[in-house]
C-alpha cells in the first residue's frame, strides 16, 4: 500500500530514477574532481572522508525510517482494528452489557501512547543522525575554507583562485553528497 501511494519514491521506479541520478552525480563528481586536482590531496581526502561519513549516516537513516514505517503500520493496524470494534454497532450491546467501554478506551489510549512513545524515540534517533551529519559538514567546510583562506593570506592563492576553489570545493561536496544520497 505504501509503495502504491508513494509514487516514484519506492520500488522499481525509484531504482531506475536513482540509477540515472547516480550516473549524473558521478559524472559531475569526476568533472569537479579533475578541476580540484590542483588543490592539496589532503583537502580532497577530507572531502571524501566526511562525505563517506555522511553517506553512512544517510544509510543508517534510511534503515531506521524503513524499520519505523513497518513498526508504525503494525501499530496503526491494531489501533484502527480496535477503534472499528468500539464504534461498530454489532458490538455495542456486548460492550454495554459487560461494561467494557472504559477497558476498551483504556486499551486504545495505551496503544496510542505506545505509538507516540515509539515515535519520540524514533525522532530522537533521527535528530542524532542529522546532528552528526551537520557536524561532519561543518568540519569539512571549516577545514576546506580554513585551508583556502590560509593560502590566500600567505599569497599563494589569489582572490580569483580562492573564489574558484571555494566553488569547486562546494561543488565537489554537493556532487558527492548527491551521489551518496542517490546510492542510499
N, C-alpha and C. Protein backbone atom coordinates (compact mmCIF):
# COMPACT_ATOMS: atom_id res chain seq x y z
N UNK A 1 0.84 -1.18 0.00
CA UNK A 1 0.00 0.00 0.00
C UNK A 1 0.88 1.25 0.00
N UNK A 2 1.94 1.24 0.81
CA UNK A 2 2.85 2.37 0.86
C UNK A 2 3.51 2.58 -0.50
N UNK A 3 3.90 1.49 -1.15
CA UNK A 3 4.54 1.58 -2.47
C UNK A 3 3.58 2.17 -3.50
N UNK A 4 2.32 1.81 -3.40
CA UNK A 4 1.33 2.29 -4.35
C UNK A 4 1.15 3.80 -4.24
N UNK A 5 1.05 4.30 -3.01
CA UNK A 5 0.79 5.73 -2.81
C UNK A 5 2.06 6.58 -2.85
N UNK A 6 3.23 5.98 -2.73
CA UNK A 6 4.47 6.74 -2.67
C UNK A 6 4.91 7.24 -4.05
N UNK A 7 4.31 6.76 -5.10
CA UNK A 7 4.67 7.22 -6.44
C UNK A 7 6.06 6.75 -6.83
N UNK A 8 6.90 7.67 -7.25
CA UNK A 8 8.22 7.31 -7.74
C UNK A 8 9.28 7.23 -6.64
N UNK A 9 8.87 7.20 -5.38
CA UNK A 9 9.82 7.15 -4.27
C UNK A 9 10.11 5.73 -3.80
N UNK A 10 9.44 4.73 -4.36
CA UNK A 10 9.63 3.35 -3.94
C UNK A 10 9.58 2.42 -5.14
N UNK A 11 10.13 1.24 -4.95
CA UNK A 11 10.03 0.19 -5.94
C UNK A 11 10.95 0.37 -7.13
N UNK A 12 10.59 -0.29 -8.23
CA UNK A 12 11.41 -0.30 -9.44
C UNK A 12 11.57 1.11 -10.01
N UNK A 13 10.51 1.90 -9.97
CA UNK A 13 10.59 3.25 -10.50
C UNK A 13 11.63 4.07 -9.74
N UNK A 14 11.66 3.94 -8.43
CA UNK A 14 12.65 4.66 -7.63
C UNK A 14 14.06 4.17 -7.95
N UNK A 15 14.21 2.87 -8.18
CA UNK A 15 15.52 2.31 -8.52
C UNK A 15 16.02 2.87 -9.85
N UNK A 16 15.16 2.91 -10.85
CA UNK A 16 15.55 3.43 -12.16
C UNK A 16 15.90 4.92 -12.07
N UNK A 17 15.08 5.69 -11.36
CA UNK A 17 15.37 7.11 -11.21
C UNK A 17 16.66 7.34 -10.43
N UNK A 18 16.89 6.54 -9.40
CA UNK A 18 18.11 6.68 -8.60
C UNK A 18 19.34 6.30 -9.42
N UNK A 19 19.22 5.30 -10.28
CA UNK A 19 20.36 4.89 -11.11
C UNK A 19 20.75 6.02 -12.06
N UNK A 20 19.77 6.64 -12.69
CA UNK A 20 20.05 7.77 -13.57
C UNK A 20 20.64 8.94 -12.81
N UNK A 21 20.08 9.22 -11.65
CA UNK A 21 20.60 10.29 -10.81
C UNK A 21 22.01 10.00 -10.34
N UNK A 22 22.29 8.75 -10.03
CA UNK A 22 23.63 8.36 -9.58
C UNK A 22 24.66 8.57 -10.68
N UNK A 23 24.31 8.21 -11.90
CA UNK A 23 25.23 8.42 -13.02
C UNK A 23 25.50 9.91 -13.23
N UNK A 24 24.47 10.72 -13.13
CA UNK A 24 24.64 12.16 -13.29
C UNK A 24 25.52 12.72 -12.17
N UNK A 25 25.29 12.27 -10.94
CA UNK A 25 26.10 12.73 -9.80
C UNK A 25 27.55 12.29 -9.96
N UNK A 26 27.75 11.07 -10.43
CA UNK A 26 29.11 10.56 -10.62
C UNK A 26 29.84 11.37 -11.69
N UNK A 27 29.17 11.70 -12.79
CA UNK A 27 29.79 12.49 -13.85
C UNK A 27 30.17 13.87 -13.33
N UNK A 28 29.30 14.50 -12.58
CA UNK A 28 29.61 15.81 -12.01
C UNK A 28 30.77 15.74 -11.04
N UNK A 29 30.80 14.67 -10.25
CA UNK A 29 31.91 14.49 -9.31
C UNK A 29 33.24 14.36 -10.05
N UNK A 30 33.27 13.59 -11.13
CA UNK A 30 34.51 13.39 -11.89
C UNK A 30 35.00 14.73 -12.44
N UNK A 31 34.11 15.53 -13.00
CA UNK A 31 34.50 16.83 -13.54
C UNK A 31 35.07 17.72 -12.44
N UNK A 32 34.39 17.80 -11.33
CA UNK A 32 34.87 18.64 -10.22
C UNK A 32 36.15 18.08 -9.62
N UNK A 33 36.27 16.76 -9.59
CA UNK A 33 37.50 16.15 -9.06
C UNK A 33 38.70 16.52 -9.92
N UNK A 34 38.53 16.51 -11.25
CA UNK A 34 39.62 16.88 -12.14
C UNK A 34 40.01 18.35 -11.96
N UNK A 35 39.03 19.21 -11.76
CA UNK A 35 39.33 20.63 -11.53
C UNK A 35 40.03 20.81 -10.19
N UNK A 36 39.58 20.08 -9.19
CA UNK A 36 40.13 20.27 -7.85
C UNK A 36 41.45 19.53 -7.64
N UNK A 37 41.95 18.86 -8.65
CA UNK A 37 43.22 18.14 -8.52
C UNK A 37 44.37 19.10 -8.21
N UNK A 38 44.17 20.38 -8.50
CA UNK A 38 45.20 21.37 -8.21
C UNK A 38 45.26 21.72 -6.73
N UNK A 39 44.23 21.40 -5.98
CA UNK A 39 44.25 21.61 -4.53
C UNK A 39 45.09 20.54 -3.86
N UNK A 40 45.26 20.70 -2.57
CA UNK A 40 46.01 19.71 -1.79
C UNK A 40 45.27 18.38 -1.77
N UNK A 41 46.00 17.26 -1.86
CA UNK A 41 45.34 15.96 -1.77
C UNK A 41 44.67 15.74 -0.41
N UNK A 42 45.18 16.43 0.60
CA UNK A 42 44.58 16.30 1.93
C UNK A 42 43.18 16.90 1.96
N UNK A 43 42.99 17.97 1.23
CA UNK A 43 41.66 18.58 1.18
C UNK A 43 40.68 17.63 0.50
N UNK A 44 41.12 17.01 -0.59
CA UNK A 44 40.26 16.02 -1.26
C UNK A 44 39.97 14.84 -0.33
N UNK A 45 40.98 14.44 0.43
CA UNK A 45 40.78 13.35 1.39
C UNK A 45 39.74 13.74 2.44
N UNK A 46 39.82 14.97 2.96
CA UNK A 46 38.84 15.45 3.95
C UNK A 46 37.45 15.44 3.36
N UNK A 47 37.33 15.93 2.12
CA UNK A 47 36.01 15.97 1.47
C UNK A 47 35.48 14.55 1.28
N UNK A 48 36.33 13.65 0.81
CA UNK A 48 35.90 12.27 0.59
C UNK A 48 35.54 11.58 1.90
N UNK A 49 36.36 11.77 2.93
CA UNK A 49 36.12 11.10 4.22
C UNK A 49 34.84 11.60 4.87
N UNK A 50 34.63 12.91 4.88
CA UNK A 50 33.41 13.43 5.51
C UNK A 50 32.17 13.03 4.70
N UNK A 51 32.30 12.99 3.38
CA UNK A 51 31.16 12.58 2.56
C UNK A 51 30.85 11.10 2.78
N UNK A 52 31.88 10.28 2.97
CA UNK A 52 31.66 8.88 3.31
C UNK A 52 30.93 8.76 4.64
N UNK A 53 31.35 9.58 5.61
CA UNK A 53 30.65 9.58 6.91
C UNK A 53 29.19 9.99 6.76
N UNK A 54 28.95 10.99 5.93
CA UNK A 54 27.58 11.45 5.68
C UNK A 54 26.78 10.35 4.99
N UNK A 55 27.41 9.65 4.05
CA UNK A 55 26.72 8.55 3.35
C UNK A 55 26.35 7.44 4.33
N UNK A 56 27.25 7.13 5.25
CA UNK A 56 26.95 6.10 6.25
C UNK A 56 25.80 6.54 7.15
N UNK A 57 25.78 7.81 7.53
CA UNK A 57 24.67 8.31 8.35
C UNK A 57 23.36 8.30 7.57
N UNK A 58 23.42 8.64 6.28
CA UNK A 58 22.21 8.58 5.44
C UNK A 58 21.70 7.15 5.30
N UNK A 59 22.62 6.20 5.16
CA UNK A 59 22.22 4.80 5.06
C UNK A 59 21.55 4.34 6.35
N UNK A 60 22.14 4.73 7.47
CA UNK A 60 21.55 4.38 8.78
C UNK A 60 20.16 5.01 8.91
N UNK A 61 20.03 6.25 8.43
CA UNK A 61 18.74 6.95 8.48
C UNK A 61 17.69 6.21 7.65
N UNK A 62 18.08 5.75 6.46
CA UNK A 62 17.14 5.01 5.60
C UNK A 62 16.68 3.72 6.28
N UNK A 63 17.62 2.99 6.86
CA UNK A 63 17.24 1.75 7.56
C UNK A 63 16.33 2.05 8.74
N UNK A 64 16.62 3.11 9.47
CA UNK A 64 15.81 3.50 10.62
C UNK A 64 14.40 3.88 10.18
N UNK A 65 14.29 4.64 9.08
CA UNK A 65 12.97 5.02 8.58
C UNK A 65 12.16 3.82 8.13
N UNK A 66 12.79 2.88 7.43
CA UNK A 66 12.08 1.68 6.99
C UNK A 66 11.58 0.87 8.17
N UNK A 67 12.43 0.69 9.17
CA UNK A 67 12.02 -0.07 10.36
C UNK A 67 10.88 0.64 11.08
N UNK A 68 10.96 1.95 11.15
CA UNK A 68 9.90 2.71 11.82
C UNK A 68 8.58 2.60 11.07
N UNK A 69 8.61 2.69 9.74
CA UNK A 69 7.37 2.60 8.97
C UNK A 69 6.71 1.23 9.13
N UNK A 70 7.50 0.18 9.20
CA UNK A 70 6.94 -1.16 9.41
C UNK A 70 6.30 -1.23 10.80
N UNK A 71 7.01 -0.73 11.79
CA UNK A 71 6.50 -0.74 13.17
C UNK A 71 5.24 0.11 13.28
N UNK A 72 5.27 1.28 12.64
CA UNK A 72 4.14 2.19 12.70
C UNK A 72 2.90 1.60 12.03
N UNK A 73 3.09 0.90 10.91
CA UNK A 73 1.93 0.33 10.22
C UNK A 73 1.29 -0.76 11.06
N UNK A 74 2.09 -1.54 11.78
CA UNK A 74 1.51 -2.56 12.67
C UNK A 74 0.71 -1.91 13.79
N UNK A 75 1.26 -0.86 14.39
CA UNK A 75 0.55 -0.17 15.46
C UNK A 75 -0.73 0.47 14.94
N UNK A 76 -0.65 1.07 13.76
CA UNK A 76 -1.84 1.68 13.16
C UNK A 76 -2.93 0.63 12.92
N UNK A 77 -2.52 -0.54 12.46
CA UNK A 77 -3.50 -1.61 12.23
C UNK A 77 -4.21 -1.98 13.53
N UNK A 78 -3.46 -2.15 14.61
CA UNK A 78 -4.06 -2.50 15.89
C UNK A 78 -5.00 -1.42 16.39
N UNK A 79 -4.59 -0.17 16.27
CA UNK A 79 -5.42 0.94 16.72
C UNK A 79 -6.70 1.02 15.90
N UNK A 80 -6.57 0.92 14.58
CA UNK A 80 -7.76 1.01 13.71
C UNK A 80 -8.71 -0.17 13.94
N UNK A 81 -8.15 -1.36 14.14
CA UNK A 81 -8.99 -2.53 14.38
C UNK A 81 -9.79 -2.35 15.67
N UNK A 82 -9.13 -1.89 16.73
CA UNK A 82 -9.82 -1.69 18.00
C UNK A 82 -10.83 -0.55 17.88
N UNK A 83 -10.47 0.54 17.22
CA UNK A 83 -11.40 1.66 17.06
C UNK A 83 -12.62 1.24 16.25
N UNK A 84 -12.42 0.42 15.23
CA UNK A 84 -13.56 -0.08 14.45
C UNK A 84 -14.50 -0.91 15.32
N UNK A 85 -13.94 -1.73 16.18
CA UNK A 85 -14.78 -2.55 17.07
C UNK A 85 -15.54 -1.69 18.07
N UNK A 86 -14.90 -0.63 18.53
CA UNK A 86 -15.55 0.23 19.51
C UNK A 86 -16.76 0.92 18.90
N UNK A 87 -16.64 1.36 17.65
CA UNK A 87 -17.76 2.11 17.05
C UNK A 87 -18.72 1.23 16.25
N UNK A 88 -18.39 -0.05 16.09
CA UNK A 88 -19.27 -0.95 15.33
C UNK A 88 -20.52 -1.25 16.15
N UNK A 89 -21.69 -1.05 15.55
CA UNK A 89 -22.96 -1.21 16.27
C UNK A 89 -23.24 -2.66 16.68
N UNK A 90 -22.65 -3.62 15.97
CA UNK A 90 -22.95 -5.01 16.33
C UNK A 90 -22.27 -5.41 17.65
N UNK A 91 -21.26 -4.63 18.08
CA UNK A 91 -20.60 -4.91 19.37
C UNK A 91 -21.14 -4.03 20.49
N UNK A 92 -22.00 -3.09 20.18
CA UNK A 92 -22.49 -2.13 21.16
C UNK A 92 -23.18 -2.81 22.35
N UNK A 93 -23.99 -3.82 22.06
CA UNK A 93 -24.74 -4.50 23.13
C UNK A 93 -23.77 -5.18 24.10
N UNK A 94 -22.79 -5.91 23.55
CA UNK A 94 -21.82 -6.60 24.42
C UNK A 94 -20.98 -5.62 25.21
N UNK A 95 -20.56 -4.54 24.58
CA UNK A 95 -19.75 -3.54 25.28
C UNK A 95 -20.53 -2.94 26.43
N UNK A 96 -21.80 -2.63 26.19
CA UNK A 96 -22.64 -2.06 27.24
C UNK A 96 -22.97 -3.10 28.32
N UNK A 97 -23.30 -4.30 27.92
CA UNK A 97 -23.69 -5.36 28.86
C UNK A 97 -22.55 -5.74 29.81
N UNK A 98 -21.35 -5.81 29.31
CA UNK A 98 -20.21 -6.23 30.13
C UNK A 98 -19.36 -5.06 30.63
N UNK A 99 -19.88 -3.84 30.51
CA UNK A 99 -19.16 -2.63 30.97
C UNK A 99 -17.72 -2.58 30.46
N UNK A 100 -17.58 -2.75 29.16
CA UNK A 100 -16.25 -2.81 28.55
C UNK A 100 -15.78 -1.47 28.00
N UNK A 101 -16.63 -0.45 28.08
CA UNK A 101 -16.29 0.84 27.48
C UNK A 101 -14.98 1.39 28.06
N UNK A 102 -14.86 1.45 29.37
CA UNK A 102 -13.66 2.01 30.00
C UNK A 102 -12.42 1.17 29.65
N UNK A 103 -12.59 -0.15 29.65
CA UNK A 103 -11.44 -1.02 29.34
C UNK A 103 -10.99 -0.84 27.88
N UNK A 104 -11.96 -0.79 26.97
CA UNK A 104 -11.63 -0.61 25.55
C UNK A 104 -10.96 0.74 25.29
N UNK A 105 -11.52 1.79 25.91
CA UNK A 105 -10.92 3.11 25.73
C UNK A 105 -9.53 3.17 26.36
N UNK A 106 -9.37 2.50 27.51
CA UNK A 106 -8.04 2.45 28.14
C UNK A 106 -7.04 1.70 27.27
N UNK A 107 -7.48 0.61 26.66
CA UNK A 107 -6.61 -0.14 25.75
C UNK A 107 -6.24 0.71 24.53
N UNK A 108 -7.22 1.42 24.01
CA UNK A 108 -6.96 2.30 22.88
C UNK A 108 -5.96 3.40 23.26
N UNK A 109 -6.15 3.99 24.44
CA UNK A 109 -5.21 5.01 24.91
C UNK A 109 -3.81 4.44 25.07
N UNK A 110 -3.70 3.22 25.58
CA UNK A 110 -2.36 2.64 25.77
C UNK A 110 -1.70 2.33 24.43
N UNK A 111 -2.48 1.88 23.44
CA UNK A 111 -1.92 1.65 22.11
C UNK A 111 -1.44 2.95 21.47
N UNK A 112 -2.21 4.00 21.62
CA UNK A 112 -1.81 5.31 21.08
C UNK A 112 -0.58 5.82 21.84
N UNK A 113 -0.56 5.64 23.14
CA UNK A 113 0.61 6.04 23.95
C UNK A 113 1.87 5.30 23.53
N UNK A 114 1.73 4.01 23.26
CA UNK A 114 2.87 3.22 22.80
C UNK A 114 3.38 3.72 21.44
N UNK A 115 2.44 4.03 20.55
CA UNK A 115 2.81 4.57 19.25
C UNK A 115 3.54 5.91 19.40
N UNK A 116 3.04 6.78 20.26
CA UNK A 116 3.69 8.08 20.48
C UNK A 116 5.06 7.92 21.12
N UNK A 117 5.19 6.97 22.03
CA UNK A 117 6.49 6.71 22.67
C UNK A 117 7.51 6.24 21.64
N UNK A 118 7.10 5.33 20.77
CA UNK A 118 8.00 4.86 19.71
C UNK A 118 8.35 6.00 18.76
N UNK A 119 7.39 6.85 18.49
CA UNK A 119 7.62 7.99 17.60
C UNK A 119 8.65 8.95 18.21
N UNK A 120 8.53 9.21 19.51
CA UNK A 120 9.51 10.08 20.18
C UNK A 120 10.91 9.48 20.13
N UNK A 121 11.01 8.18 20.39
CA UNK A 121 12.31 7.51 20.34
C UNK A 121 12.89 7.59 18.94
N UNK A 122 12.05 7.36 17.96
CA UNK A 122 12.48 7.43 16.56
C UNK A 122 12.97 8.84 16.22
N UNK A 123 12.23 9.85 16.65
CA UNK A 123 12.63 11.24 16.36
C UNK A 123 13.95 11.59 17.02
N UNK A 124 14.19 11.09 18.24
CA UNK A 124 15.48 11.34 18.89
C UNK A 124 16.62 10.72 18.10
N UNK A 125 16.42 9.51 17.60
CA UNK A 125 17.46 8.86 16.80
C UNK A 125 17.71 9.62 15.51
N UNK A 126 16.64 10.05 14.85
CA UNK A 126 16.80 10.82 13.62
C UNK A 126 17.51 12.15 13.88
N UNK A 127 17.18 12.79 15.01
CA UNK A 127 17.83 14.05 15.36
C UNK A 127 19.33 13.83 15.57
N UNK A 128 19.70 12.75 16.24
CA UNK A 128 21.11 12.45 16.48
C UNK A 128 21.84 12.22 15.16
N UNK A 129 21.23 11.46 14.26
CA UNK A 129 21.85 11.23 12.95
C UNK A 129 22.00 12.53 12.18
N UNK A 130 20.97 13.36 12.21
CA UNK A 130 21.03 14.64 11.49
C UNK A 130 22.08 15.56 12.10
N UNK A 131 22.19 15.56 13.43
CA UNK A 131 23.20 16.37 14.10
C UNK A 131 24.60 15.91 13.70
N UNK A 132 24.82 14.59 13.66
CA UNK A 132 26.11 14.06 13.23
C UNK A 132 26.43 14.48 11.81
N UNK A 133 25.44 14.43 10.96
CA UNK A 133 25.62 14.83 9.56
C UNK A 133 26.01 16.31 9.47
N UNK A 134 25.32 17.16 10.21
CA UNK A 134 25.62 18.59 10.17
C UNK A 134 27.01 18.89 10.76
N UNK A 135 27.41 18.14 11.79
CA UNK A 135 28.75 18.33 12.35
C UNK A 135 29.83 17.93 11.35
N UNK A 136 29.60 16.86 10.61
CA UNK A 136 30.55 16.48 9.57
C UNK A 136 30.65 17.54 8.47
N UNK A 137 29.53 18.10 8.10
CA UNK A 137 29.53 19.18 7.10
C UNK A 137 30.29 20.40 7.63
N UNK A 138 30.05 20.73 8.89
CA UNK A 138 30.76 21.86 9.50
C UNK A 138 32.27 21.60 9.54
N UNK A 139 32.66 20.39 9.90
CA UNK A 139 34.08 20.02 9.94
C UNK A 139 34.69 20.13 8.54
N UNK A 140 34.01 19.55 7.57
CA UNK A 140 34.50 19.59 6.19
C UNK A 140 34.67 21.02 5.70
N UNK A 141 33.64 21.83 5.86
CA UNK A 141 33.70 23.21 5.38
C UNK A 141 34.73 24.02 6.15
N UNK A 142 34.84 23.79 7.44
CA UNK A 142 35.83 24.51 8.24
C UNK A 142 37.25 24.21 7.78
N UNK A 143 37.55 22.95 7.54
CA UNK A 143 38.89 22.58 7.09
C UNK A 143 39.17 23.12 5.70
N UNK A 144 38.23 22.95 4.78
CA UNK A 144 38.43 23.38 3.40
C UNK A 144 38.59 24.90 3.33
N UNK A 145 37.66 25.62 3.91
CA UNK A 145 37.75 27.08 3.83
C UNK A 145 38.92 27.62 4.65
N UNK A 146 39.24 26.98 5.76
CA UNK A 146 40.42 27.38 6.53
C UNK A 146 41.69 27.24 5.71
N UNK A 147 41.79 26.12 5.00
CA UNK A 147 42.96 25.90 4.14
C UNK A 147 43.03 26.94 3.04
N UNK A 148 41.89 27.19 2.38
CA UNK A 148 41.88 28.16 1.28
C UNK A 148 42.19 29.58 1.78
N UNK A 149 41.64 29.94 2.92
CA UNK A 149 41.91 31.27 3.48
C UNK A 149 43.38 31.40 3.85
N UNK A 150 43.95 30.35 4.45
CA UNK A 150 45.37 30.42 4.83
C UNK A 150 46.26 30.56 3.60
N UNK A 151 45.91 29.88 2.52
CA UNK A 151 46.69 30.02 1.28
C UNK A 151 46.52 31.40 0.67
N UNK A 152 45.33 31.98 0.81
CA UNK A 152 45.10 33.31 0.26
C UNK A 152 45.86 34.35 1.10
N UNK A 153 45.87 34.18 2.41
CA UNK A 153 46.55 35.12 3.29
C UNK A 153 48.07 35.08 3.06
N UNK A 154 48.62 33.89 2.83
CA UNK A 154 50.05 33.78 2.59
C UNK A 154 50.44 34.21 1.18
N UNK A 155 49.48 34.46 0.32
CA UNK A 155 49.75 34.95 -1.02
C UNK A 155 49.94 33.88 -2.06
N UNK A 156 49.79 32.60 -1.70
CA UNK A 156 49.96 31.53 -2.69
C UNK A 156 48.68 31.27 -3.47
N UNK A 157 47.65 32.06 -3.17
CA UNK A 157 46.37 31.91 -3.85
C UNK A 157 45.77 33.31 -4.04
N UNK A 158 45.42 33.65 -5.26
CA UNK A 158 44.81 34.96 -5.50
C UNK A 158 43.34 34.91 -5.09
N UNK A 159 42.72 36.08 -5.04
CA UNK A 159 41.30 36.16 -4.68
C UNK A 159 40.46 35.40 -5.70
N UNK A 160 40.78 35.56 -6.97
CA UNK A 160 40.03 34.86 -8.02
C UNK A 160 40.17 33.35 -7.87
N UNK A 161 41.39 32.89 -7.58
CA UNK A 161 41.60 31.45 -7.38
C UNK A 161 40.87 30.97 -6.13
N UNK A 162 40.86 31.80 -5.10
CA UNK A 162 40.13 31.45 -3.87
C UNK A 162 38.66 31.23 -4.18
N UNK A 163 38.08 32.17 -4.93
CA UNK A 163 36.66 32.04 -5.29
C UNK A 163 36.43 30.79 -6.14
N UNK A 164 37.33 30.54 -7.09
CA UNK A 164 37.21 29.36 -7.94
C UNK A 164 37.27 28.09 -7.10
N UNK A 165 38.31 27.97 -6.26
CA UNK A 165 38.47 26.73 -5.50
C UNK A 165 37.42 26.57 -4.40
N UNK A 166 36.93 27.69 -3.86
CA UNK A 166 35.84 27.59 -2.88
C UNK A 166 34.60 27.04 -3.57
N UNK A 167 34.33 27.52 -4.79
CA UNK A 167 33.19 27.00 -5.56
C UNK A 167 33.39 25.54 -5.94
N UNK A 168 34.63 25.19 -6.31
CA UNK A 168 34.92 23.80 -6.66
C UNK A 168 34.76 22.89 -5.44
N UNK A 169 35.28 23.33 -4.29
CA UNK A 169 35.15 22.53 -3.07
C UNK A 169 33.69 22.35 -2.69
N UNK A 170 32.93 23.43 -2.81
CA UNK A 170 31.50 23.34 -2.53
C UNK A 170 30.81 22.43 -3.53
N UNK A 171 31.19 22.56 -4.80
CA UNK A 171 30.58 21.73 -5.85
C UNK A 171 30.91 20.26 -5.70
N UNK A 172 32.18 19.95 -5.40
CA UNK A 172 32.55 18.54 -5.26
C UNK A 172 31.85 17.92 -4.05
N UNK A 173 31.68 18.72 -2.98
CA UNK A 173 30.93 18.24 -1.82
C UNK A 173 29.47 17.99 -2.17
N UNK A 174 28.89 18.91 -2.94
CA UNK A 174 27.49 18.74 -3.34
C UNK A 174 27.31 17.53 -4.24
N UNK A 175 28.22 17.34 -5.21
CA UNK A 175 28.11 16.19 -6.10
C UNK A 175 28.29 14.90 -5.34
N UNK A 176 29.26 14.86 -4.42
CA UNK A 176 29.48 13.64 -3.63
C UNK A 176 28.29 13.36 -2.72
N UNK A 177 27.78 14.40 -2.09
CA UNK A 177 26.63 14.21 -1.21
C UNK A 177 25.42 13.72 -2.00
N UNK A 178 25.22 14.30 -3.19
CA UNK A 178 24.12 13.84 -4.05
C UNK A 178 24.29 12.39 -4.47
N UNK A 179 25.53 12.02 -4.79
CA UNK A 179 25.80 10.63 -5.15
C UNK A 179 25.53 9.69 -3.98
N UNK A 180 25.99 10.10 -2.79
CA UNK A 180 25.75 9.27 -1.61
C UNK A 180 24.25 9.16 -1.32
N UNK A 181 23.54 10.24 -1.50
CA UNK A 181 22.08 10.23 -1.28
C UNK A 181 21.38 9.30 -2.28
N UNK A 182 21.79 9.38 -3.54
CA UNK A 182 21.19 8.52 -4.58
C UNK A 182 21.48 7.05 -4.27
N UNK A 183 22.71 6.76 -3.88
CA UNK A 183 23.07 5.37 -3.60
C UNK A 183 22.34 4.83 -2.38
N UNK A 184 22.19 5.68 -1.35
CA UNK A 184 21.50 5.17 -0.16
C UNK A 184 20.01 5.02 -0.45
